[in-house]
Amino acid sequence: VIAPMDENAWARNLGYLETPTQELVALYELNRHHNLRLLRRMKLGDLEKSAYHPELKHDVTVADYVEKLETHSANHLQQIERLKKQATGA
């Protein structure tokens, strides 16, 4: 079973709103780097492994999560761009 998480509580507890933008971007890059290293070590059969997701009410596979990473990363990049524009008043 995949444990659900509260994204707002996660960000609040890690102090994201008080963290300088450059540090957040560096953390994003580091997390992405480690995710890619993990993905490169996986075997093809690992993509079919699954677990139950209680919020979705069905099993999700590792392949599902890999696919989700693409859009999830794009969303984070859009958030960063939006925050940069807010910070500069553009």
N, C-alpha and C. Protein backbone atom coordinates (compact mmCIF):
# COMPACT_ATOMS: atom_id res chain seq x y z
N VAL A 1 0.85 -1.18 0.00
CA VAL A 1 0.00 0.00 0.00
C VAL A 1 0.89 1.24 0.00
N ILE A 2 0.55 2.19 -0.84
CA ILE A 2 1.27 3.45 -0.91
C ILE A 2 0.63 4.41 0.09
N ALA A 3 1.45 4.98 0.95
CA ALA A 3 0.93 5.91 1.97
C ALA A 3 0.61 7.25 1.33
N PRO A 4 -0.62 7.73 1.50
CA PRO A 4 -0.96 9.06 0.98
C PRO A 4 -0.18 10.13 1.73
N MET A 5 0.02 11.27 1.07
CA MET A 5 0.70 12.37 1.75
C MET A 5 -0.01 13.67 1.46
N ASP A 6 0.11 14.57 2.39
CA ASP A 6 -0.46 15.91 2.25
C ASP A 6 0.65 16.81 1.73
N GLU A 7 0.58 17.18 0.45
CA GLU A 7 1.64 17.98 -0.18
C GLU A 7 1.84 19.33 0.51
N ASN A 8 0.74 19.95 0.95
CA ASN A 8 0.85 21.25 1.61
C ASN A 8 1.55 21.11 2.96
N ALA A 9 1.22 20.06 3.70
CA ALA A 9 1.89 19.82 4.98
C ALA A 9 3.37 19.51 4.75
N TRP A 10 3.66 18.75 3.70
CA TRP A 10 5.04 18.41 3.35
C TRP A 10 5.85 19.70 3.13
N ALA A 11 5.32 20.59 2.29
CA ALA A 11 6.01 21.84 1.97
C ALA A 11 6.14 22.72 3.22
N ARG A 12 5.08 22.78 4.01
CA ARG A 12 5.09 23.60 5.23
C ARG A 12 6.13 23.07 6.23
N ASN A 13 6.12 21.75 6.45
CA ASN A 13 7.04 21.16 7.43
C ASN A 13 8.50 21.26 7.01
N LEU A 14 8.76 21.30 5.71
CA LEU A 14 10.14 21.43 5.22
C LEU A 14 10.54 22.89 5.03
N GLY A 15 9.63 23.81 5.30
CA GLY A 15 9.94 25.23 5.24
C GLY A 15 10.19 25.74 3.83
N TYR A 16 9.50 25.17 2.84
CA TYR A 16 9.72 25.59 1.46
C TYR A 16 9.47 27.08 1.23
N LEU A 17 8.47 27.64 1.91
CA LEU A 17 8.16 29.06 1.68
C LEU A 17 9.25 29.97 2.22
N GLU A 18 10.03 29.49 3.19
CA GLU A 18 11.11 30.30 3.76
C GLU A 18 12.46 30.00 3.11
N THR A 19 12.50 29.05 2.19
CA THR A 19 13.76 28.64 1.57
C THR A 19 14.05 29.50 0.35
N PRO A 20 15.29 29.99 0.22
CA PRO A 20 15.64 30.79 -0.96
C PRO A 20 15.41 30.01 -2.25
N THR A 21 14.99 30.73 -3.29
CA THR A 21 14.67 30.11 -4.58
C THR A 21 15.83 29.29 -5.12
N GLN A 22 17.05 29.82 -5.04
CA GLN A 22 18.21 29.11 -5.57
C GLN A 22 18.40 27.77 -4.87
N GLU A 23 18.13 27.73 -3.58
CA GLU A 23 18.26 26.48 -2.84
C GLU A 23 17.18 25.48 -3.27
N LEU A 24 15.96 25.97 -3.48
CA LEU A 24 14.88 25.09 -3.94
C LEU A 24 15.19 24.50 -5.30
N VAL A 25 15.73 25.32 -6.20
CA VAL A 25 16.10 24.82 -7.53
C VAL A 25 17.20 23.78 -7.41
N ALA A 26 18.18 24.03 -6.55
CA ALA A 26 19.27 23.05 -6.34
C ALA A 26 18.72 21.75 -5.77
N LEU A 27 17.79 21.83 -4.84
CA LEU A 27 17.18 20.61 -4.28
C LEU A 27 16.40 19.85 -5.34
N TYR A 28 15.68 20.59 -6.17
CA TYR A 28 14.93 19.97 -7.27
C TYR A 28 15.89 19.21 -8.19
N GLU A 29 16.98 19.87 -8.57
CA GLU A 29 17.96 19.24 -9.47
C GLU A 29 18.57 18.00 -8.83
N LEU A 30 18.90 18.08 -7.54
CA LEU A 30 19.49 16.94 -6.85
C LEU A 30 18.50 15.77 -6.77
N ASN A 31 17.25 16.06 -6.43
CA ASN A 31 16.23 15.00 -6.37
C ASN A 31 16.02 14.36 -7.74
N ARG A 32 15.98 15.18 -8.77
CA ARG A 32 15.81 14.65 -10.14
C ARG A 32 17.00 13.77 -10.52
N HIS A 33 18.19 14.20 -10.19
CA HIS A 33 19.40 13.42 -10.46
C HIS A 33 19.33 12.05 -9.79
N HIS A 34 18.94 12.03 -8.53
CA HIS A 34 18.86 10.74 -7.81
C HIS A 34 17.74 9.86 -8.35
N ASN A 35 16.63 10.46 -8.74
CA ASN A 35 15.55 9.67 -9.35
C ASN A 35 16.02 9.02 -10.64
N LEU A 36 16.74 9.78 -11.46
CA LEU A 36 17.25 9.23 -12.72
C LEU A 36 18.27 8.11 -12.48
N ARG A 37 19.11 8.27 -11.48
CA ARG A 37 20.07 7.21 -11.14
C ARG A 37 19.33 5.93 -10.73
N LEU A 38 18.29 6.09 -9.94
CA LEU A 38 17.49 4.94 -9.52
C LEU A 38 16.83 4.28 -10.72
N LEU A 39 16.25 5.06 -11.60
CA LEU A 39 15.58 4.51 -12.79
C LEU A 39 16.55 3.75 -13.68
N ARG A 40 17.77 4.25 -13.82
CA ARG A 40 18.76 3.57 -14.66
C ARG A 40 19.17 2.22 -14.09
N ARG A 41 19.05 2.03 -12.80
CA ARG A 41 19.43 0.76 -12.16
C ARG A 41 18.32 -0.29 -12.23
N MET A 42 17.13 0.14 -12.58
CA MET A 42 16.00 -0.79 -12.60
C MET A 42 16.10 -1.76 -13.78
N LYS A 43 15.52 -2.91 -13.56
CA LYS A 43 15.38 -3.90 -14.64
C LYS A 43 14.01 -3.72 -15.26
N LEU A 44 13.86 -4.14 -16.50
CA LEU A 44 12.61 -3.98 -17.22
C LEU A 44 11.42 -4.54 -16.43
N GLY A 45 11.61 -5.70 -15.80
CA GLY A 45 10.54 -6.32 -15.04
C GLY A 45 10.10 -5.50 -13.83
N ASP A 46 10.97 -4.63 -13.33
CA ASP A 46 10.62 -3.78 -12.20
C ASP A 46 9.48 -2.83 -12.52
N LEU A 47 9.34 -2.48 -13.79
CA LEU A 47 8.29 -1.54 -14.20
C LEU A 47 6.89 -2.10 -13.98
N GLU A 48 6.77 -3.41 -13.92
CA GLU A 48 5.45 -4.04 -13.74
C GLU A 48 5.08 -4.25 -12.28
N LYS A 49 6.01 -4.02 -11.37
CA LYS A 49 5.70 -4.15 -9.94
C LYS A 49 4.66 -3.10 -9.57
N SER A 50 3.79 -3.46 -8.63
CA SER A 50 2.71 -2.53 -8.31
C SER A 50 2.41 -2.51 -6.82
N ALA A 51 1.65 -1.50 -6.43
CA ALA A 51 1.16 -1.37 -5.06
C ALA A 51 -0.19 -0.68 -5.12
N TYR A 52 -0.98 -0.88 -4.08
CA TYR A 52 -2.31 -0.28 -4.02
C TYR A 52 -2.19 1.18 -3.60
N HIS A 53 -2.88 2.05 -4.34
CA HIS A 53 -2.90 3.49 -4.04
C HIS A 53 -4.29 3.81 -3.47
N PRO A 54 -4.39 4.07 -2.16
CA PRO A 54 -5.72 4.27 -1.55
C PRO A 54 -6.48 5.47 -2.06
N GLU A 55 -5.78 6.54 -2.48
CA GLU A 55 -6.50 7.70 -3.00
C GLU A 55 -7.07 7.42 -4.39
N LEU A 56 -6.38 6.61 -5.18
CA LEU A 56 -6.87 6.25 -6.52
C LEU A 56 -7.77 5.02 -6.49
N LYS A 57 -7.67 4.26 -5.40
CA LYS A 57 -8.47 3.05 -5.19
C LYS A 57 -8.18 1.94 -6.20
N HIS A 58 -6.91 1.86 -6.64
CA HIS A 58 -6.48 0.76 -7.50
C HIS A 58 -4.96 0.64 -7.43
N ASP A 59 -4.47 -0.46 -7.96
CA ASP A 59 -3.02 -0.67 -8.00
C ASP A 59 -2.39 0.25 -9.04
N VAL A 60 -1.19 0.72 -8.75
CA VAL A 60 -0.40 1.48 -9.71
C VAL A 60 0.95 0.78 -9.85
N THR A 61 1.48 0.80 -11.06
CA THR A 61 2.76 0.15 -11.31
C THR A 61 3.89 1.17 -11.25
N VAL A 62 5.10 0.65 -11.18
CA VAL A 62 6.28 1.52 -11.25
C VAL A 62 6.25 2.27 -12.58
N ALA A 63 5.84 1.60 -13.65
CA ALA A 63 5.74 2.26 -14.96
C ALA A 63 4.78 3.45 -14.89
N ASP A 64 3.67 3.30 -14.17
CA ASP A 64 2.73 4.41 -14.00
C ASP A 64 3.43 5.60 -13.35
N TYR A 65 4.23 5.32 -12.34
CA TYR A 65 4.94 6.40 -11.64
C TYR A 65 6.01 7.03 -12.51
N VAL A 66 6.70 6.24 -13.29
CA VAL A 66 7.72 6.78 -14.19
C VAL A 66 7.05 7.73 -15.18
N GLU A 67 5.91 7.33 -15.71
CA GLU A 67 5.18 8.19 -16.64
C GLU A 67 4.73 9.48 -15.94
N LYS A 68 4.29 9.35 -14.71
CA LYS A 68 3.83 10.51 -13.93
C LYS A 68 4.97 11.48 -13.65
N LEU A 69 6.19 10.97 -13.50
CA LEU A 69 7.34 11.83 -13.24
C LEU A 69 7.52 12.89 -14.31
N GLU A 70 7.23 12.53 -15.55
CA GLU A 70 7.40 13.48 -16.66
C GLU A 70 6.51 14.70 -16.47
N THR A 71 5.23 14.49 -16.23
CA THR A 71 4.32 15.62 -16.06
C THR A 71 4.55 16.30 -14.71
N HIS A 72 4.90 15.53 -13.70
CA HIS A 72 5.14 16.08 -12.38
C HIS A 72 6.32 17.06 -12.44
N SER A 73 7.38 16.67 -13.13
CA SER A 73 8.55 17.54 -13.28
C SER A 73 8.18 18.81 -14.03
N ALA A 74 7.41 18.68 -15.07
CA ALA A 74 6.99 19.85 -15.85
C ALA A 74 6.18 20.80 -14.98
N ASN A 75 5.34 20.26 -14.11
CA ASN A 75 4.55 21.11 -13.21
C ASN A 75 5.46 21.88 -12.26
N HIS A 76 6.49 21.22 -11.74
CA HIS A 76 7.42 21.90 -10.85
C HIS A 76 8.17 23.01 -11.58
N LEU A 77 8.57 22.76 -12.81
CA LEU A 77 9.27 23.78 -13.57
C LEU A 77 8.36 24.99 -13.82
N GLN A 78 7.08 24.73 -14.08
CA GLN A 78 6.13 25.84 -14.27
C GLN A 78 5.96 26.62 -12.97
N GLN A 79 5.93 25.91 -11.84
CA GLN A 79 5.83 26.58 -10.55
C GLN A 79 7.04 27.48 -10.32
N ILE A 80 8.22 26.98 -10.64
CA ILE A 80 9.45 27.76 -10.47
C ILE A 80 9.40 29.01 -11.34
N GLU A 81 8.98 28.87 -12.59
CA GLU A 81 8.88 30.02 -13.48
C GLU A 81 7.89 31.05 -12.94
N ARG A 82 6.76 30.57 -12.44
CA ARG A 82 5.74 31.46 -11.88
C ARG A 82 6.30 32.21 -10.66
N LEU A 83 7.02 31.50 -9.80
CA LEU A 83 7.60 32.14 -8.61
C LEU A 83 8.67 33.15 -8.99
N LYS A 84 9.45 32.83 -10.02
CA LYS A 84 10.48 33.78 -10.49
C LYS A 84 9.83 35.07 -10.97
N LYS A 85 8.74 34.95 -11.72
CA LYS A 85 8.05 36.13 -12.23
C LYS A 85 7.46 36.94 -11.08
N GLN A 86 6.91 36.26 -10.09
CA GLN A 86 6.34 36.96 -8.92
C GLN A 86 7.45 37.70 -8.17
N ALA A 87 8.61 37.07 -8.05
CA ALA A 87 9.72 37.66 -7.30
C ALA A 87 10.28 38.90 -7.99
N THR A 88 10.22 38.91 -9.32
CA THR A 88 10.77 40.05 -10.07
C THR A 88 9.69 41.09 -10.40
N GLY A 89 8.45 40.76 -10.10
CA GLY A 89 7.36 41.69 -10.39
C GLY A 89 6.98 41.75 -11.85
N ALA A 90 7.41 40.73 -12.62
CA ALA A 90 7.10 40.73 -14.07
C ALA A 90 5.69 40.26 -14.34
